[in-house]
Structure formats: C-alpha cells, structure tokens
Amino acid sequence: MFPFRVVSVTPKLPAAICRLKELAYDFWFSWKPEAVELFRTIKPDLWRESGHNPARFLIKVSSEDLERVAGDDDYLAMYRRVFELYDSYKSEETWFAKHYPEHKEDVIAYFSAEFGLHESHPIYSGGLGLLAGDHCKSASDLGLPFVGVGLLYKNGYFTQKINSEGRQEAVYPHLNFIELPITPVYNSKGSQLTVKLEMPGRDIYILVWKVKVGRIWIYLLDADTPKNTGDDRRLTGTLYGGDQQYRISQEILLGVGGVKALCEMGIVPHVWHINEGHAAFLILQRLKELVAKGLSFNTAREVVRASTIFTTHTPVPAGHDVFSKEIIRNFFEPAAKDLGIDLETLLELAWDRERQGFNMTLLALNNSCLCNGVSRLHGKVSRKMFLRYYDGLHQEEIPVTTITNGVHIETWLARELRDLYFRYLGKECVEKLGLQVWGKVDNIPDEELWRVHRFLKVQMIDFVRSSLKRQRMRNFELSKRIQEVDEYLSADILTIGFARRFATYKRATLLFRDRERLTKLVNHPERPVRFIFAGKAHPADMAGQDLIKRIYDLSNEPQFRGKILVLENYDIHVARHLLHGVDVWMNTPRRPMEASGTSGQKAALNGLINISTLDGWWPEAYDGNNGFAVGTECNFHNEETQDQEDCHSLFMTLEEKLIPMYYRREAGLPQEWVRMMKHSIKTIAPVFNTNRMVSEYTDRFYIPAARRGMAFRNNNFEQGERVSRFKKLLREYWDQIKFAQIETNGAPKMYAGQKLEVKVDIHLGQLDHGSVAVELVYGNALDYGLKHIERVVLAQVGEISPGVHRFSGSLVLPQGGLGYTVRVRPASPDFPYTELPLVKWAPGF
C-alpha cells in the first residue's frame, strides 16, 4: 500500500464555546457530571454512539449542532458554570501546597501496567487499573507533583460478548489514537518524541503520548510505529497477552522505556512508585544511569533504593511474574556488562530459589525502601508469603506495611446522590473526609435517601433490560426471548449485584452449591430476590470462562429465568450503573485471596449494602451494623470445607437477616434498611477513598522517600557510598559474631511486674559494637513461636576481653504466657535493619 498520513479533521468550534476541546482532552471531565452534561446536551445520541468519548464526539459532531448550542443562552450559562469550576480547580491552593510547600518540585513517578480512567480509554483490565486511575485523580485533587507512566495498548483490553451458548467471546477493538483524549509528546524538533530501546538482536522504538488528568499528566508508551517490525509493533497490542518473551518485552518497555522517556522529557523524579511488579525493570535502568555517572554498582543500588517504593497487590506466589535464567540472559546480559557485574550478580537481585527464576516482585522488594500491601489482611498475608526471602527476621518484621485501597469519591458517586449529599453535608464532603462531615448523613430524611435510591434503581433496571435485549438480538434469539426482558426486575424486588473479574477464587457460583435454597430465594411469593452477574474472565483462563457458562446456563433454567441475569462486557460504564442501582453488593472471595477489592467501597458510597466474606478491605470496615459478614476469620486448610461453610453462612445471612430486613416496612418505608444504608455511608465513605489513601502515601511514603533519596544524592552521593561500604563490611564479617555467654534471672514461673534482667556477652570479631544492636525479643509464647513481638535494646556496658562486648538490660514482665530470646542485628542511623536482615538469634536459648 502507498504511504499516507492520517489527520484528524474536526469542525471548528464557535468562539463562544471554544474551550470545549480543552475540556475534552482532560479527564477531569470524567469525575464532573456537569462537564459530561456539557457534551451530552449538544447531541445525546451521538454522545452514546461515541462511547462517552469527548474527543471522538468533537470529531463527529456537526458544525450546525455546535452553532446551535453556541447561540443558546441556557447552554452558554451551563458552559460558563463548568469553566468557572474548572478554572477554580486549577488555580486553588491544594492540600499538598499547604502541607509540603518545600517539596512542590519533587516529582513522584507512578509506574503501572494499566490505568482505568474512563470507559472511553480502555487501557485497563480490572481492579489494578481502576485503582491506578483513582490514585491519579486523587493525586490531582490533592495537588501532588505527580506523573503516571504506563503503556498505550492499541487493542486495549478485550470487549466481551456472551454468545447464545453462554460462552465468552473476546473481541479486541482497534483503537484509533486520533479519536482518544490523548496527545503526542513532541521533541525539540517538533516531531513526536521517540525513545530507543536495545533488545536482543534489534532496537525497538517507542512513541510517547500524554494524558491530562486534572493537574497531572500520565505518559503512555506506544511501540506501534513503522520503525519497528510487525512483532515488535504488537508489543503494546493487548494487556497481559502472549508468552514469556512477549511479557518480558512489555515489562521492559514499561520499566526501562518509562525511565528513558522521563529522562528525554527532562522530568527528574524524586520518588519512584512501582505499582505491582510489572514495572520493576525501571530499577535496572536507573542503576545503569547511575553507574554511567561513575558510581559503583553497590552504591547505585543504595541510591536507587532510597527513593523507590513498591506496592504489591497479589496475595498468592503464582501471581508474581517469574522469568527463567535463560530469558534474563537473553535480554539483560549486555546490561550486566554496563553495570560492571556478571550475570549471576544481576540474577541475585531477584533470584527466587524456590521457583528457580527471576522474580519481578523480589526485584522490587530488594530495591525499595518502602513496601506496602493494600489492606491490613493483605499486608499480613504478604509478610507470611515473603518470609522466605528474609532469613533471620520474625514474620511480623517483614518490611511490608499496609496502606488500604480506596476509591475516588467523585468518580463513583451517582450525581443524584452527590447533589443530595451536597445539600445536607455540604460540598466539602468530597474533600474533607472526617466523620464530623460524613456524620451529617443522619440529617438526610429517610424518605429522600430512599427516593433517590429507587430512582437510581429504576435507571439501572432500564440499562440492564436494554443491554440484555441487544445481546439477545445480536445472538438471533427468538422474539419471545427478547420481549420477555421487559418483565425482568422490579424496583420493589430486592436486587443483589455480583460484578467483578471471573477468577475462580472469587467464587461467583458459591450460591449455586445449594440449588434448592437458591430456588426458594428467587421464587419466594412475598420476599423474592433477583441476582445480576457481570464480569470478564481472562481469555486464557478457561476455568473462569466456565464459571460464566455455568451461570448463564443456570439463568436459563425455568425456575431461574428472569431472576438470575448475566450481563456481558463488564467495564466502567456497566459498573457505574450496577453500583448506583442494585440494593446489595455481594462479594464471596475465598479468604485470604482477595488483596483488597474496591467495588464494595464504591457500592457503600452509593448507599448499597455489602454482604461479603471477611476478606480484603471488608474486615477493616465491617462493624456489625454497616453490612453483613459471611463466614468467619478462621483459616481453613481444605477449600471444599471452606466453600461448604461459607455457602451455608451466605444462605443463613440472606434468609435470616438481610432479606427480612429489606422487606420489613413501616409506613411503606424500610426504615431499618435505610438506617443501615446511612451507617454504611458514614462509616465507609470518609475512610475508604483515594484522597485518604493518597494523602497517606504522601505522609508515610512519598515525603520520607523524597527526603531519603535527596540525602543519598547530596554531596556527590556521599551517604549512598557510606551505606554501601557499611553493608559490605557487615556482610563480610557477620559470620564472626558469636554468643559467648547469656545470663538471666528468668525462671519458669515469674510474676507480672517482676523485672527480667539479661546480660549478654558477644564476640563481635572485627565489627565495632556500634555497628550492631543486641536485643531482648519477647512476645506471646505459642507452639510455633512468638507472636506480637516486642524488643528491648540492650546497652553496651564494656569490652570484657578483646572483641567480646557485654550488653545488659531488663524488662518489667507483663501478664500472660511470655516467651523471650536474645538476638543481634545490624544497626545504622542510615537504614532500617530490615534492609539487611543479617539477624543472629541466640542458639538453644
């Protein structure tokens, strides 16, 4: 085919509404319903046809329609109000500016394999991407000096169709970047910025695009350029596709390419945030750049670690990317030479001895100064899972803390509820997150809250019916099957939603273990229940696709027809309707396999009631009165037993508590249910949101990492060099440490308040006593060891012989069964001992 150039030809905007294009290319519109209305009002049908994409809408809308609204006084008044709001947002003083004005130039770079901003920009697959999108929106709201880095997928994530047999069909769209709300990044010569990457046997060229999200930018990398081979152009084709070669190539593009792109644009981050292990190769590129400046490899590691943070999202070992030694050699042997090390040293950065491969999570863990899980339970699970990487540490000391996920309130809150909240709580409710503000939910009259909920439920029912009709028409089903959809669902019938990724551990079919009880629930003559299911299974996950098929087949059985429904193509648009309109949000993961989960947080924000197993975020939120808990917090060793118990608990909770409460009416109003709605809103919304989450990241992670990173860079990397030398010294001489003698007044029986005294003589060899800390470690004594450990640092009281130092201290005994021991660990004001877990416990103590 002969070469040609593509241009976007759009109608010229009338002067009176000329800023519409500015708004179309800023995802600020996605959380401001007034901004959405500005486009929709021009031509509602076209807005729907354009997939709610303002960039595509402005390409397709006619000049006549634009001229019409430009002469409409009501439209122009709305236009002025929106841009007053927009300009005020851009100019007002932010939370970050008030709290950390000295760090206003300290850029935070957030790397993620996916970003879920809006249905018009489908470069996300599920929870990880939606979390990243909400994270960016709150970074904008709070005014952080923040940039995102990701990949621009030509085919995005697949569009799901469910055929007449109930089978999932994956259709990959071909995204026209001209019609997306993105813009190219240009270099100094006026052409699109291109970054070159060295790959085995060839170079790959990456185009850089940018996405505006309020006050911040996300930079997206695109390999679909004629400079690359056909196979290489497809590297940014789809999310999480292909074999190991494809996967590692994608992750190199994200990590290595992302660092190089920021460098080319002159952006110098002070903090590097790795959102899941996919982006961890950024560490190798940063090391390479520092070594090229003359730093030793070990010093470069300390400098990189000082400003890197890592968020892990996966609570099972199999979910973490691991690459073979051969693949790493193929892709990174030249990089090892550039770093001045051999391949074995490079492999040791992330070598997983148990899985015999290069573990991307371990690469991030080993080279980050701070790491977190995304709920308290996930943090606990992660510490147990990562224990094998930290010889010598107690499980409770594994350096994985917790920052629990949240949701972006304005993105997920129904407009009608937002207006109601503004009226009774004030507009500050989406900014000020304290219980003092959200406690005013109780001031909303029950009748008004219920009326708004029923209005949203009717809208949801209309949406579900329309979706099912389109699906059945496409599948050429009988007209009777299409027409009967009009009788499905009712605003008067309790409706429960289950919508999420169809992974087997999420147990979408838990209810189906007892078909007899389920039949009674949906066909009860006075208190019927309806269930709506939606969700995608990964195209390679046949077990997940079988779940969809099973639910679809059951929904077509006579006793369940019209009472159990399956929607196709679960995305942000579908989620929004369900999260606004069902009565109950059901979540049944097999504990403890849900890292966090955020859909239930979105549901609670909209007054929906959660019923969930005590997994992910729900154990932190559930207080006995703001929803329903399924099962217990006990750990099961047999999945079949766990599923049986949780199924029984789910039915008991529905039959005896939830359903009766919903149908109890006083003067036509379910007053007890509405009280629970209010309690759910005021206890969950002000806590489980991304403004709280991002401010917590800022206080606990971003600012400490920025300051530590700066300290390690100052004075020609003096502190980084000092730490590198000290760690080398400790590794070299640690084996010389020996416990010479331990004396204690401890006895099998002692009394609370009695003083336990300990005296320890330790041979330190060539190490100075200031290089170590000797501790008395104590906690609850259990069969498998100590729990809830505490530490008392013993004081050095003298050198009793050459190289042998005496340490002593005491503990006032608390009540209860106590276990204690003694250990020695590294000590330095420059780094936490968990970075170098060379811990030696007293033998046979």
Foldseek 3Di string as FASTA:
>chain_A
DDDDDDDQDFDQADPLQNCLLVVLLALQLLLPVLNLCLLCVLPVVLCVVLVVRSLLSRSPDDPVSNVVLSPPPVSSVSSVVVVVVLVCLQPDDAQCCVPPVVCLQAEEEEFDAAAFRGRSQQQDAFDLRQLNNQLVLLCLRRNHNYEYEYARAQQHFFFWFQFPLLFTDTHTDGDDVSSHSKAFDAAPVGHGDWDWDDFQPDIFIWTWIWGHHRNYIYIHIARLDPVDDPVSNNLRHYPPDDDPLSLLVVLCCRALVRVRVCVSVVRDHLAYEYEALSNLCVLLNQLLVVVVVPDASLLSLLLQQLRYEYEHFFLDPVVWDWDALVSCCNGCQVSCVSNVHGSVVVQVCAQDPVVRTRTSVSNRLLRHQAYEFAAQQSQLSVLVVCVVVFPQDDSVPQRYYYQHAFAQLSSQADPLVLVQLCVQQNNCCSPQLDLVRLVSLVVRPLVSLVVQQLVLQVVLLVVQLVQVLVSCVVNVHDPVLNVCSVVFDDSLAAEEEEEGAQDVQQPPPLLVVDVVLLLCQQPPPQHHYAYEYEHYYRPVPVVSSVVSSVQVVVCPPPSNPSRYYYGGRDDSVNLSSVLQHHQEYETEGQPAGRSADHSVLSNLLNLHAYEYECYHHNVVQDDPQQHHYFDDPDDDPDVVVSSVRRNVRVSCCVVPPVRVLSPDDDVRGSVSSSVSSSVSNSRRVSRRHSSNSSVCCVVPPNVSSSVLSVVCPPPPSVLSVVVSVLLVVCVVQVVVKDWDDKDWPDDPDDDQQDKIKIKTKMQRDPDDPLFKWKWKKKAAQDPVGHDPIDIDTWDWDAAPDVRITMTMDMDRHHDHHMDIFMKMFTDDPSGDRSSPSSIGTHPPD
